[in-house]
Amino acid sequence: MPTPFGMLGIRTQGETIAEIAFLPRDGNVLAPADKLSVVAWLQIERYLDDPSYRIALPLRQAGTPFQRRVWAAIAAIAPGRTRSYGEIARELGSSARAVGQACGENPFPLVIPCHRVVSSSGIGGFAHSGGGYLLDAKRWLLAHEGAIPGYAGEAAK
């Protein structure tokens, strides 16, 4: 699926979303493979038109119990807001590094908006990356939601 910040891959498994993946811009656009892929595509398009829209899709069970706790905390962050890895770690009685690792393992970005988790001193990483198209996607998403100013046009170039 093409987006302003790159391509997204949507993989389904039965009646659930198995994965949403950020992909480089140079990938090929493929038509949705099933009804659930169409629903996911349409909901993501709606979010791209309206950053306050909350994507709600049936997700495959994934992650460790700790990761699921982190992902639940992330899912509670409202559009246009951010929380730091450290804030979430304190809430869960963990470490910022462990929260960052759980963020990086999130198989459902946009549904579980891990882009809203930042470091205490800046934007932080994204999907286990400290740069490149993944960090550009995070900047675009945060600007799209109004959490950081003036970046959305940059990622679209």
C-alpha atoms as a PDB file:
ATOM      1  CA  MET A   1       0.000   0.000   0.000  1.00  0.00           C
ATOM      2  CA  PRO A   2       1.472   3.394  -0.932  1.00  0.00           C
ATOM      3  CA  THR A   3       1.491   6.111   1.735  1.00  0.00           C
ATOM      4  CA  PRO A   4       3.033   9.596   1.894  1.00  0.00           C
ATOM      5  CA  PHE A   5       5.951   8.187   3.940  1.00  0.00           C
ATOM      6  CA  GLY A   6       6.631   4.983   1.992  1.00  0.00           C
ATOM      7  CA  MET A   7       4.980   1.651   1.423  1.00  0.00           C
ATOM      8  CA  LEU A   8       3.054  -0.483   3.918  1.00  0.00           C
ATOM      9  CA  GLY A   9       2.668  -4.212   3.740  1.00  0.00           C
ATOM     10  CA  ILE A  10      -0.474  -5.759   5.223  1.00  0.00           C
ATOM     11  CA  ARG A  11      -0.435  -9.491   5.911  1.00  0.00           C
ATOM     12  CA  THR A  12      -3.529 -11.334   7.045  1.00  0.00           C
ATOM     13  CA  GLN A  13      -3.935 -14.744   8.627  1.00  0.00           C
ATOM     14  CA  GLY A  14      -7.469 -16.060   8.550  1.00  0.00           C
ATOM     15  CA  GLU A  15      -9.731 -13.440  10.078  1.00  0.00           C
ATOM     16  CA  THR A  16      -6.905 -11.427  11.692  1.00  0.00           C
ATOM     17  CA  ILE A  17      -4.171  -9.021  10.732  1.00  0.00           C
ATOM     18  CA  ALA A  18      -0.886 -10.895  11.158  1.00  0.00           C
ATOM     19  CA  GLU A  19       1.429  -7.970  10.411  1.00  0.00           C
ATOM     20  CA  ILE A  20       1.655  -4.416   9.147  1.00  0.00           C
ATOM     21  CA  ALA A  21       5.156  -3.627   7.919  1.00  0.00           C
ATOM     22  CA  PHE A  22       6.869  -0.421   6.880  1.00  0.00           C
ATOM     23  CA  LEU A  23       8.569  -0.977   3.527  1.00  0.00           C
ATOM     24  CA  PRO A  24      10.924   1.144   1.404  1.00  0.00           C
ATOM     25  CA  ARG A  25       9.347   3.463  -1.172  1.00  0.00           C
ATOM     26  CA  ASP A  26      10.559   1.439  -4.139  1.00  0.00           C
ATOM     27  CA  GLY A  27       8.306  -1.574  -3.508  1.00  0.00           C
ATOM     28  CA  ASN A  28       5.502  -2.625  -5.811  1.00  0.00           C
ATOM     29  CA  VAL A  29       1.882  -1.884  -4.993  1.00  0.00           C
ATOM     30  CA  LEU A  30      -0.165  -5.060  -4.744  1.00  0.00           C
ATOM     31  CA  ALA A  31      -3.937  -5.266  -4.649  1.00  0.00           C
ATOM     32  CA  PRO A  32      -5.424  -6.397  -1.342  1.00  0.00           C
ATOM     33  CA  ALA A  33      -5.544 -10.201  -1.219  1.00  0.00           C
ATOM     34  CA  ASP A  34      -8.759 -10.605   0.797  1.00  0.00           C
ATOM     35  CA  LYS A  35     -11.655  -8.732   2.416  1.00  0.00           C
ATOM     36  CA  LEU A  36      -9.734  -8.046   5.625  1.00  0.00           C
ATOM     37  CA  SER A  37      -6.869  -6.517   3.636  1.00  0.00           C
ATOM     38  CA  VAL A  38      -9.377  -4.212   1.944  1.00  0.00           C
ATOM     39  CA  VAL A  39     -10.783  -3.189   5.336  1.00  0.00           C
ATOM     40  CA  ALA A  40      -7.266  -2.526   6.660  1.00  0.00           C
ATOM     41  CA  TRP A  41      -6.345  -0.522   3.547  1.00  0.00           C
ATOM     42  CA  LEU A  42      -9.495   1.616   3.849  1.00  0.00           C
ATOM     43  CA  GLN A  43      -8.969   2.258   7.568  1.00  0.00           C
ATOM     44  CA  ILE A  44      -5.340   3.243   7.010  1.00  0.00           C
ATOM     45  CA  GLU A  45      -6.414   5.601   4.205  1.00  0.00           C
ATOM     46  CA  ARG A  46      -8.960   7.141   6.574  1.00  0.00           C
ATOM     47  CA  TYR A  47      -6.226   7.665   9.209  1.00  0.00           C
ATOM     48  CA  LEU A  48      -4.008   9.271   6.545  1.00  0.00           C
ATOM     49  CA  ASP A  49      -6.877  11.675   5.756  1.00  0.00           C
ATOM     50  CA  ASP A  50      -7.802  12.266   9.416  1.00  0.00           C
ATOM     51  CA  PRO A  51      -5.040  11.812  12.013  1.00  0.00           C
ATOM     52  CA  SER A  52      -7.593  11.585  14.829  1.00  0.00           C
ATOM     53  CA  TYR A  53      -9.125   8.441  13.288  1.00  0.00           C
ATOM     54  CA  ARG A  54      -8.378   5.333  15.344  1.00  0.00           C
ATOM     55  CA  ILE A  55      -7.715   2.209  13.330  1.00  0.00           C
ATOM     56  CA  ALA A  56      -9.550  -0.807  14.757  1.00  0.00           C
ATOM     57  CA  LEU A  57      -8.704  -4.160  13.219  1.00  0.00           C
ATOM     58  CA  PRO A  58      -8.767  -7.756  14.491  1.00  0.00           C
ATOM     59  CA  LEU A  59      -5.149  -8.513  15.394  1.00  0.00           C
ATOM     60  CA  ARG A  60      -3.499 -11.917  15.596  1.00  0.00           C
ATOM     61  CA  GLN A  61      -2.298 -12.754  19.104  1.00  0.00           C
ATOM     62  CA  ALA A  62       1.376 -11.844  19.214  1.00  0.00           C
ATOM     63  CA  GLY A  63       4.191 -11.012  21.589  1.00  0.00           C
ATOM     64  CA  THR A  64       5.209 -11.924  25.084  1.00  0.00           C
ATOM     65  CA  PRO A  65       3.089 -10.932  28.084  1.00  0.00           C
ATOM     66  CA  PHE A  66       5.462  -7.990  28.712  1.00  0.00           C
ATOM     67  CA  GLN A  67       5.293  -6.848  25.075  1.00  0.00           C
ATOM     68  CA  ARG A  68       1.501  -6.986  25.186  1.00  0.00           C
ATOM     69  CA  ARG A  69       1.528  -4.796  28.320  1.00  0.00           C
ATOM     70  CA  VAL A  70       3.758  -2.263  26.544  1.00  0.00           C
ATOM     71  CA  TRP A  71       1.572  -2.371  23.438  1.00  0.00           C
ATOM     72  CA  ALA A  72      -1.550  -1.783  25.552  1.00  0.00           C
ATOM     73  CA  ALA A  73       0.103   1.306  27.086  1.00  0.00           C
ATOM     74  CA  ILE A  74       1.037   2.535  23.612  1.00  0.00           C
ATOM     75  CA  ALA A  75      -2.477   1.927  22.271  1.00  0.00           C
ATOM     76  CA  ALA A  76      -3.800   4.260  24.978  1.00  0.00           C
ATOM     77  CA  ILE A  77      -1.742   7.241  23.704  1.00  0.00           C
ATOM     78  CA  ALA A  78      -4.073   9.665  21.914  1.00  0.00           C
ATOM     79  CA  PRO A  79      -3.273  10.982  18.433  1.00  0.00           C
ATOM     80  CA  GLY A  80      -1.105  14.082  18.587  1.00  0.00           C
ATOM     81  CA  ARG A  81       0.349  13.055  21.955  1.00  0.00           C
ATOM     82  CA  THR A  82       3.599  11.356  22.826  1.00  0.00           C
ATOM     83  CA  ARG A  83       4.993   9.528  25.810  1.00  0.00           C
ATOM     84  CA  SER A  84       8.600   8.684  26.521  1.00  0.00           C
ATOM     85  CA  TYR A  85      10.043   5.203  26.790  1.00  0.00           C
ATOM     86  CA  GLY A  86      10.922   6.097  30.386  1.00  0.00           C
ATOM     87  CA  GLU A  87       7.384   7.175  31.298  1.00  0.00           C
ATOM     88  CA  ILE A  88       5.954   3.906  30.049  1.00  0.00           C
ATOM     89  CA  ALA A  89       8.749   1.975  31.782  1.00  0.00           C
ATOM     90  CA  ARG A  90       7.981   3.627  35.137  1.00  0.00           C
ATOM     91  CA  GLU A  91       4.283   2.864  34.696  1.00  0.00           C
ATOM     92  CA  LEU A  92       5.063  -0.804  33.997  1.00  0.00           C
ATOM     93  CA  GLY A  93       7.891  -1.181  36.525  1.00  0.00           C
ATOM     94  CA  SER A  94      10.437  -1.834  33.807  1.00  0.00           C
ATOM     95  CA  SER A  95      13.302  -0.114  31.989  1.00  0.00           C
ATOM     96  CA  ALA A  96      13.210   2.317  29.074  1.00  0.00           C
ATOM     97  CA  ARG A  97      15.410  -0.054  27.056  1.00  0.00           C
ATOM     98  CA  ALA A  98      12.934  -2.927  27.542  1.00  0.00           C
ATOM     99  CA  VAL A  99      10.062  -0.675  26.479  1.00  0.00           C
ATOM    100  CA  GLY A 100      12.050   0.389  23.398  1.00  0.00           C
ATOM    101  CA  GLN A 101      12.698  -3.248  22.498  1.00  0.00           C
ATOM    102  CA  ALA A 102       8.990  -4.044  22.837  1.00  0.00           C
ATOM    103  CA  CYS A 103       8.139  -1.034  20.652  1.00  0.00           C
ATOM    104  CA  GLY A 104      10.532  -2.303  18.000  1.00  0.00           C
ATOM    105  CA  GLU A 105       8.840  -5.715  17.997  1.00  0.00           C
ATOM    106  CA  ASN A 106       5.355  -4.261  17.463  1.00  0.00           C
ATOM    107  CA  PRO A 107       3.886  -6.138  14.468  1.00  0.00           C
ATOM    108  CA  PHE A 108       0.923  -3.746  14.149  1.00  0.00           C
ATOM    109  CA  PRO A 109       2.208  -0.170  13.731  1.00  0.00           C
ATOM    110  CA  LEU A 110      -0.508   2.432  13.190  1.00  0.00           C
ATOM    111  CA  VAL A 111      -2.999   0.165  15.005  1.00  0.00           C
ATOM    112  CA  ILE A 112      -0.645   0.113  18.000  1.00  0.00           C
ATOM    113  CA  PRO A 113       0.889   3.555  17.378  1.00  0.00           C
ATOM    114  CA  CYS A 114       4.481   3.005  18.489  1.00  0.00           C
ATOM    115  CA  HIS A 115       5.478   6.164  16.610  1.00  0.00           C
ATOM    116  CA  ARG A 116       3.993   8.069  19.580  1.00  0.00           C
ATOM    117  CA  VAL A 117       6.740   6.794  21.890  1.00  0.00           C
ATOM    118  CA  VAL A 118       9.807   9.031  21.946  1.00  0.00           C
ATOM    119  CA  SER A 119      12.995   9.340  23.943  1.00  0.00           C
ATOM    120  CA  SER A 120      13.300  11.877  26.750  1.00  0.00           C
ATOM    121  CA  SER A 121      15.824  13.818  24.644  1.00  0.00           C
ATOM    122  CA  GLY A 122      14.318  13.635  21.155  1.00  0.00           C
ATOM    123  CA  ILE A 123      12.411  11.519  18.698  1.00  0.00           C
ATOM    124  CA  GLY A 124      14.150   8.237  19.554  1.00  0.00           C
ATOM    125  CA  GLY A 125      14.325   5.308  17.174  1.00  0.00           C
ATOM    126  CA  PHE A 126      11.685   3.453  15.246  1.00  0.00           C
ATOM    127  CA  ALA A 127      11.247  -0.251  14.509  1.00  0.00           C
ATOM    128  CA  HIS A 128      14.787  -0.957  15.754  1.00  0.00           C
ATOM    129  CA  SER A 129      16.161   1.744  13.444  1.00  0.00           C
ATOM    130  CA  GLY A 130      17.894   5.006  14.268  1.00  0.00           C
ATOM    131  CA  GLY A 131      17.605   6.491  10.776  1.00  0.00           C
ATOM    132  CA  GLY A 132      16.584   6.046   7.167  1.00  0.00           C
ATOM    133  CA  TYR A 133      13.084   5.573   5.831  1.00  0.00           C
ATOM    134  CA  LEU A 134      11.800   4.141   9.129  1.00  0.00           C
ATOM    135  CA  LEU A 135      12.713   7.228  11.142  1.00  0.00           C
ATOM    136  CA  ASP A 136      11.392   9.407   8.292  1.00  0.00           C
ATOM    137  CA  ALA A 137       8.080   7.535   8.614  1.00  0.00           C
ATOM    138  CA  LYS A 138       7.992   8.210  12.373  1.00  0.00           C
ATOM    139  CA  ARG A 139       8.644  11.915  11.811  1.00  0.00           C
ATOM    140  CA  TRP A 140       5.940  12.058   9.150  1.00  0.00           C
ATOM    141  CA  LEU A 141       3.396  10.305  11.378  1.00  0.00           C
ATOM    142  CA  LEU A 142       4.123  12.579  14.347  1.00  0.00           C
ATOM    143  CA  ALA A 143       3.868  15.685  12.148  1.00  0.00           C
ATOM    144  CA  HIS A 144       0.663  14.347  10.564  1.00  0.00           C
ATOM    145  CA  GLU A 145      -0.852  14.105  14.044  1.00  0.00           C
ATOM    146  CA  GLY A 146       0.458  17.531  15.076  1.00  0.00           C
ATOM    147  CA  ALA A 147       2.906  16.162  17.651  1.00  0.00           C
ATOM    148  CA  ILE A 148       5.941  17.710  15.907  1.00  0.00           C
ATOM    149  CA  PRO A 149       5.698  20.675  13.530  1.00  0.00           C
ATOM    150  CA  GLY A 150       6.806  21.034   9.959  1.00  0.00           C
ATOM    151  CA  TYR A 151       7.951  17.635   8.801  1.00  0.00           C
ATOM    152  CA  ALA A 152       5.086  16.088   6.831  1.00  0.00           C
ATOM    153  CA  GLY A 153       6.095  17.702   3.547  1.00  0.00           C
ATOM    154  CA  GLU A 154       9.685  16.521   3.855  1.00  0.00           C
ATOM    155  CA  ALA A 155       8.862  12.811   3.863  1.00  0.00           C
ATOM    156  CA  ALA A 156       6.653  13.144   0.795  1.00  0.00           C
ATOM    157  CA  LYS A 157       9.590  14.236  -1.431  1.00  0.00           C
END
